Amino acid sequence: MAKVVVGLSGGVDSSVAAYLLKEQGHEVIGLFMKNWHDDTVTISDECPWLEDSNDAMLVADKLGIPFQTVDLSDQYKERIVDYMFDEYARGRTPNP
């Protein structure tokens, strides 16, 4: 079977996807993507990424699969956030 990397959020959908892939015999790796770290622009003082990452890690542990966290916040800001604001500034609706 194939090696499959599953983006684990700690939620039900990604957890079930990882479970089903493992049950089918695939070699599953759980990956949590940290996409934001700038607390100066959050609505509240809390950004739940750490709690979400812990939830994803618990899922991976329960499933017995390897788990990694990768920080993609710089790429996310550049390719999604900056692009979105640039498109709005040009009077266009962004389409990421």
N, C-alpha and C. Protein backbone atom coordinates (compact mmCIF):
# COMPACT_ATOMS: atom_id res chain seq x y z
N MET A 1 0.83 -1.19 0.00
CA MET A 1 0.00 0.00 0.00
C MET A 1 0.88 1.25 0.00
N ALA A 2 0.24 2.38 -0.18
CA ALA A 2 0.94 3.66 -0.34
C ALA A 2 1.23 4.32 1.00
N LYS A 3 2.25 5.17 0.98
CA LYS A 3 2.52 6.05 2.11
C LYS A 3 1.67 7.30 1.89
N VAL A 4 0.86 7.68 2.89
CA VAL A 4 -0.07 8.79 2.75
C VAL A 4 0.14 9.78 3.90
N VAL A 5 0.30 11.05 3.54
CA VAL A 5 0.38 12.10 4.55
C VAL A 5 -1.00 12.72 4.67
N VAL A 6 -1.53 12.74 5.89
CA VAL A 6 -2.86 13.29 6.14
C VAL A 6 -2.70 14.56 6.96
N GLY A 7 -3.30 15.64 6.48
CA GLY A 7 -3.33 16.88 7.26
C GLY A 7 -4.28 16.69 8.42
N LEU A 8 -3.72 16.55 9.62
CA LEU A 8 -4.54 16.34 10.82
C LEU A 8 -4.80 17.67 11.50
N SER A 9 -6.08 18.00 11.66
CA SER A 9 -6.45 19.24 12.35
C SER A 9 -6.81 18.98 13.81
N GLY A 10 -7.03 17.73 14.14
CA GLY A 10 -7.54 17.39 15.46
C GLY A 10 -9.05 17.25 15.45
N GLY A 11 -9.66 17.55 14.31
CA GLY A 11 -11.11 17.44 14.17
C GLY A 11 -11.54 16.07 13.68
N VAL A 12 -12.84 15.91 13.56
CA VAL A 12 -13.42 14.61 13.21
C VAL A 12 -13.05 14.18 11.79
N ASP A 13 -13.19 15.07 10.82
CA ASP A 13 -13.00 14.68 9.41
C ASP A 13 -11.61 14.12 9.14
N SER A 14 -10.58 14.87 9.54
CA SER A 14 -9.21 14.42 9.26
C SER A 14 -8.86 13.19 10.09
N SER A 15 -9.41 13.11 11.29
CA SER A 15 -9.15 11.94 12.15
C SER A 15 -9.74 10.67 11.54
N VAL A 16 -10.97 10.77 11.05
CA VAL A 16 -11.62 9.61 10.43
C VAL A 16 -10.90 9.24 9.13
N ALA A 17 -10.49 10.24 8.36
CA ALA A 17 -9.75 9.96 7.12
C ALA A 17 -8.47 9.18 7.43
N ALA A 18 -7.73 9.63 8.44
CA ALA A 18 -6.49 8.93 8.82
C ALA A 18 -6.79 7.51 9.28
N TYR A 19 -7.83 7.36 10.07
CA TYR A 19 -8.23 6.03 10.56
C TYR A 19 -8.57 5.10 9.41
N LEU A 20 -9.41 5.58 8.48
CA LEU A 20 -9.83 4.73 7.36
C LEU A 20 -8.65 4.35 6.47
N LEU A 21 -7.75 5.30 6.22
CA LEU A 21 -6.58 4.99 5.41
C LEU A 21 -5.70 3.94 6.09
N LYS A 22 -5.54 4.07 7.40
CA LYS A 22 -4.75 3.08 8.13
C LYS A 22 -5.43 1.72 8.08
N GLU A 23 -6.74 1.70 8.25
CA GLU A 23 -7.49 0.44 8.19
C GLU A 23 -7.37 -0.23 6.82
N GLN A 24 -7.20 0.56 5.78
CA GLN A 24 -7.04 0.02 4.43
C GLN A 24 -5.62 -0.48 4.18
N GLY A 25 -4.74 -0.30 5.16
CA GLY A 25 -3.39 -0.82 5.04
C GLY A 25 -2.34 0.18 4.59
N HIS A 26 -2.73 1.43 4.44
CA HIS A 26 -1.76 2.45 4.03
C HIS A 26 -0.84 2.83 5.19
N GLU A 27 0.35 3.26 4.86
CA GLU A 27 1.28 3.80 5.86
C GLU A 27 0.92 5.28 6.00
N VAL A 28 0.31 5.64 7.12
CA VAL A 28 -0.23 6.99 7.32
C VAL A 28 0.69 7.81 8.21
N ILE A 29 0.92 9.04 7.81
CA ILE A 29 1.69 10.01 8.60
C ILE A 29 0.77 11.20 8.85
N GLY A 30 0.64 11.61 10.10
CA GLY A 30 -0.17 12.77 10.45
C GLY A 30 0.66 14.03 10.40
N LEU A 31 0.11 15.08 9.79
CA LEU A 31 0.82 16.34 9.65
C LEU A 31 -0.08 17.48 10.08
N PHE A 32 0.37 18.27 11.05
CA PHE A 32 -0.36 19.46 11.47
C PHE A 32 0.34 20.68 10.88
N MET A 33 -0.42 21.53 10.21
CA MET A 33 0.15 22.72 9.58
C MET A 33 -0.18 23.96 10.41
N LYS A 34 0.84 24.58 10.94
CA LYS A 34 0.67 25.85 11.66
C LYS A 34 0.72 26.95 10.61
N ASN A 35 -0.41 27.63 10.42
CA ASN A 35 -0.50 28.62 9.34
C ASN A 35 -0.49 30.07 9.81
N TRP A 36 -0.52 30.30 11.09
CA TRP A 36 -0.55 31.69 11.57
C TRP A 36 0.13 31.78 12.92
N HIS A 37 0.92 32.81 13.13
CA HIS A 37 1.55 32.99 14.44
C HIS A 37 1.58 34.44 14.89
N ASP A 38 1.03 35.35 14.10
CA ASP A 38 1.05 36.77 14.44
C ASP A 38 -0.15 37.10 15.33
N ASP A 39 0.09 37.18 16.64
CA ASP A 39 -0.99 37.45 17.59
C ASP A 39 -1.45 38.90 17.58
N THR A 40 -0.76 39.79 16.87
CA THR A 40 -1.14 41.21 16.87
C THR A 40 -2.41 41.47 16.08
N VAL A 41 -2.83 40.53 15.27
CA VAL A 41 -4.02 40.76 14.44
C VAL A 41 -5.15 39.78 14.73
N THR A 42 -5.08 39.08 15.83
CA THR A 42 -6.16 38.14 16.17
C THR A 42 -7.26 38.87 16.91
N ILE A 43 -8.46 38.34 16.82
CA ILE A 43 -9.62 38.96 17.46
C ILE A 43 -9.53 38.86 18.97
N SER A 44 -9.02 37.76 19.46
CA SER A 44 -8.86 37.59 20.90
C SER A 44 -7.39 37.39 21.22
N ASP A 45 -7.08 37.30 22.49
CA ASP A 45 -5.70 37.09 22.91
C ASP A 45 -5.25 35.66 22.69
N GLU A 46 -6.18 34.79 22.38
CA GLU A 46 -5.85 33.38 22.22
C GLU A 46 -5.90 32.97 20.76
N CYS A 47 -4.90 32.26 20.33
CA CYS A 47 -4.92 31.62 19.02
C CYS A 47 -4.81 30.13 19.30
N PRO A 48 -5.83 29.37 18.95
CA PRO A 48 -5.91 27.98 19.42
C PRO A 48 -5.02 26.99 18.69
N TRP A 49 -4.03 27.45 17.92
CA TRP A 49 -3.25 26.49 17.14
C TRP A 49 -2.54 25.47 18.02
N LEU A 50 -2.07 25.90 19.19
CA LEU A 50 -1.35 24.96 20.05
C LEU A 50 -2.30 23.88 20.57
N GLU A 51 -3.49 24.29 20.97
CA GLU A 51 -4.50 23.32 21.42
C GLU A 51 -4.89 22.39 20.26
N ASP A 52 -5.07 22.96 19.08
CA ASP A 52 -5.41 22.14 17.90
C ASP A 52 -4.29 21.15 17.59
N SER A 53 -3.05 21.62 17.67
CA SER A 53 -1.90 20.75 17.42
C SER A 53 -1.87 19.60 18.42
N ASN A 54 -2.14 19.92 19.68
CA ASN A 54 -2.18 18.87 20.71
C ASN A 54 -3.29 17.86 20.42
N ASP A 55 -4.45 18.34 19.99
CA ASP A 55 -5.55 17.43 19.63
C ASP A 55 -5.13 16.51 18.49
N ALA A 56 -4.47 17.08 17.48
CA ALA A 56 -4.01 16.28 16.34
C ALA A 56 -2.98 15.25 16.79
N MET A 57 -2.09 15.66 17.69
CA MET A 57 -1.07 14.75 18.20
C MET A 57 -1.71 13.59 18.97
N LEU A 58 -2.75 13.88 19.74
CA LEU A 58 -3.45 12.83 20.48
C LEU A 58 -4.12 11.84 19.53
N VAL A 59 -4.69 12.36 18.44
CA VAL A 59 -5.30 11.49 17.44
C VAL A 59 -4.24 10.56 16.83
N ALA A 60 -3.11 11.15 16.44
CA ALA A 60 -2.03 10.35 15.85
C ALA A 60 -1.54 9.29 16.83
N ASP A 61 -1.41 9.67 18.08
CA ASP A 61 -0.97 8.72 19.11
C ASP A 61 -1.98 7.58 19.25
N LYS A 62 -3.25 7.92 19.28
CA LYS A 62 -4.30 6.91 19.42
C LYS A 62 -4.31 5.96 18.21
N LEU A 63 -4.04 6.51 17.02
CA LEU A 63 -4.01 5.68 15.82
C LEU A 63 -2.69 4.94 15.64
N GLY A 64 -1.69 5.34 16.42
CA GLY A 64 -0.38 4.70 16.30
C GLY A 64 0.35 5.09 15.02
N ILE A 65 0.20 6.35 14.61
CA ILE A 65 0.87 6.82 13.40
C ILE A 65 1.87 7.92 13.76
N PRO A 66 2.92 8.08 12.95
CA PRO A 66 3.87 9.17 13.20
C PRO A 66 3.18 10.52 13.04
N PHE A 67 3.72 11.53 13.72
CA PHE A 67 3.11 12.86 13.70
C PHE A 67 4.18 13.92 13.59
N GLN A 68 3.93 14.90 12.75
CA GLN A 68 4.84 16.04 12.58
C GLN A 68 4.03 17.33 12.58
N THR A 69 4.62 18.39 13.10
CA THR A 69 4.06 19.73 12.96
C THR A 69 5.00 20.52 12.08
N VAL A 70 4.43 21.22 11.11
CA VAL A 70 5.24 22.04 10.21
C VAL A 70 4.71 23.47 10.25
N ASP A 71 5.62 24.44 10.37
CA ASP A 71 5.25 25.85 10.41
C ASP A 71 5.25 26.40 8.99
N LEU A 72 4.07 26.65 8.47
CA LEU A 72 3.91 27.21 7.13
C LEU A 72 3.40 28.65 7.19
N SER A 73 3.56 29.30 8.33
CA SER A 73 2.98 30.63 8.51
C SER A 73 3.56 31.67 7.55
N ASP A 74 4.85 31.62 7.27
CA ASP A 74 5.43 32.59 6.33
C ASP A 74 4.86 32.39 4.93
N GLN A 75 4.78 31.14 4.48
CA GLN A 75 4.24 30.85 3.16
C GLN A 75 2.75 31.20 3.09
N TYR A 76 2.01 30.93 4.16
CA TYR A 76 0.59 31.24 4.19
C TYR A 76 0.36 32.74 4.08
N LYS A 77 1.14 33.51 4.84
CA LYS A 77 1.00 34.97 4.79
C LYS A 77 1.30 35.48 3.39
N GLU A 78 2.38 34.98 2.81
CA GLU A 78 2.80 35.45 1.49
C GLU A 78 1.81 35.05 0.39
N ARG A 79 1.42 33.78 0.37
CA ARG A 79 0.63 33.27 -0.75
C ARG A 79 -0.88 33.46 -0.58
N ILE A 80 -1.35 33.60 0.65
CA ILE A 80 -2.80 33.72 0.87
C ILE A 80 -3.17 35.11 1.37
N VAL A 81 -2.63 35.51 2.52
CA VAL A 81 -3.03 36.76 3.16
C VAL A 81 -2.61 37.97 2.33
N ASP A 82 -1.33 38.06 1.97
CA ASP A 82 -0.86 39.20 1.19
C ASP A 82 -1.57 39.27 -0.16
N TYR A 83 -1.73 38.12 -0.79
CA TYR A 83 -2.45 38.06 -2.07
C TYR A 83 -3.88 38.57 -1.91
N MET A 84 -4.57 38.14 -0.86
CA MET A 84 -5.95 38.54 -0.63
C MET A 84 -6.06 40.06 -0.49
N PHE A 85 -5.21 40.66 0.35
CA PHE A 85 -5.27 42.11 0.54
C PHE A 85 -4.89 42.86 -0.73
N ASP A 86 -3.95 42.33 -1.49
CA ASP A 86 -3.57 42.96 -2.75
C ASP A 86 -4.73 42.95 -3.74
N GLU A 87 -5.42 41.84 -3.83
CA GLU A 87 -6.57 41.75 -4.73
C GLU A 87 -7.69 42.70 -4.30
N TYR A 88 -7.97 42.77 -3.00
CA TYR A 88 -8.99 43.70 -2.52
C TYR A 88 -8.59 45.14 -2.82
N ALA A 89 -7.31 45.47 -2.65
CA ALA A 89 -6.82 46.83 -2.93
C ALA A 89 -7.00 47.17 -4.41
N ARG A 90 -6.97 46.17 -5.28
CA ARG A 90 -7.16 46.38 -6.72
C ARG A 90 -8.64 46.34 -7.12
N GLY A 91 -9.52 46.17 -6.12
CA GLY A 91 -10.95 46.14 -6.40
C GLY A 91 -11.44 44.81 -6.93
N ARG A 92 -10.65 43.76 -6.70
CA ARG A 92 -11.03 42.43 -7.19
C ARG A 92 -11.31 41.50 -6.02
N THR A 93 -12.09 40.48 -6.30
CA THR A 93 -12.35 39.45 -5.30
C THR A 93 -11.28 38.37 -5.44
N PRO A 94 -10.54 38.09 -4.37
CA PRO A 94 -9.48 37.08 -4.47
C PRO A 94 -10.05 35.68 -4.66
N ASN A 95 -9.28 34.86 -5.33
CA ASN A 95 -9.66 33.48 -5.55
C ASN A 95 -8.45 32.59 -5.25
N PRO A 96 -8.25 32.30 -3.94
CA PRO A 96 -7.06 31.50 -3.60
C PRO A 96 -7.23 30.11 -4.10
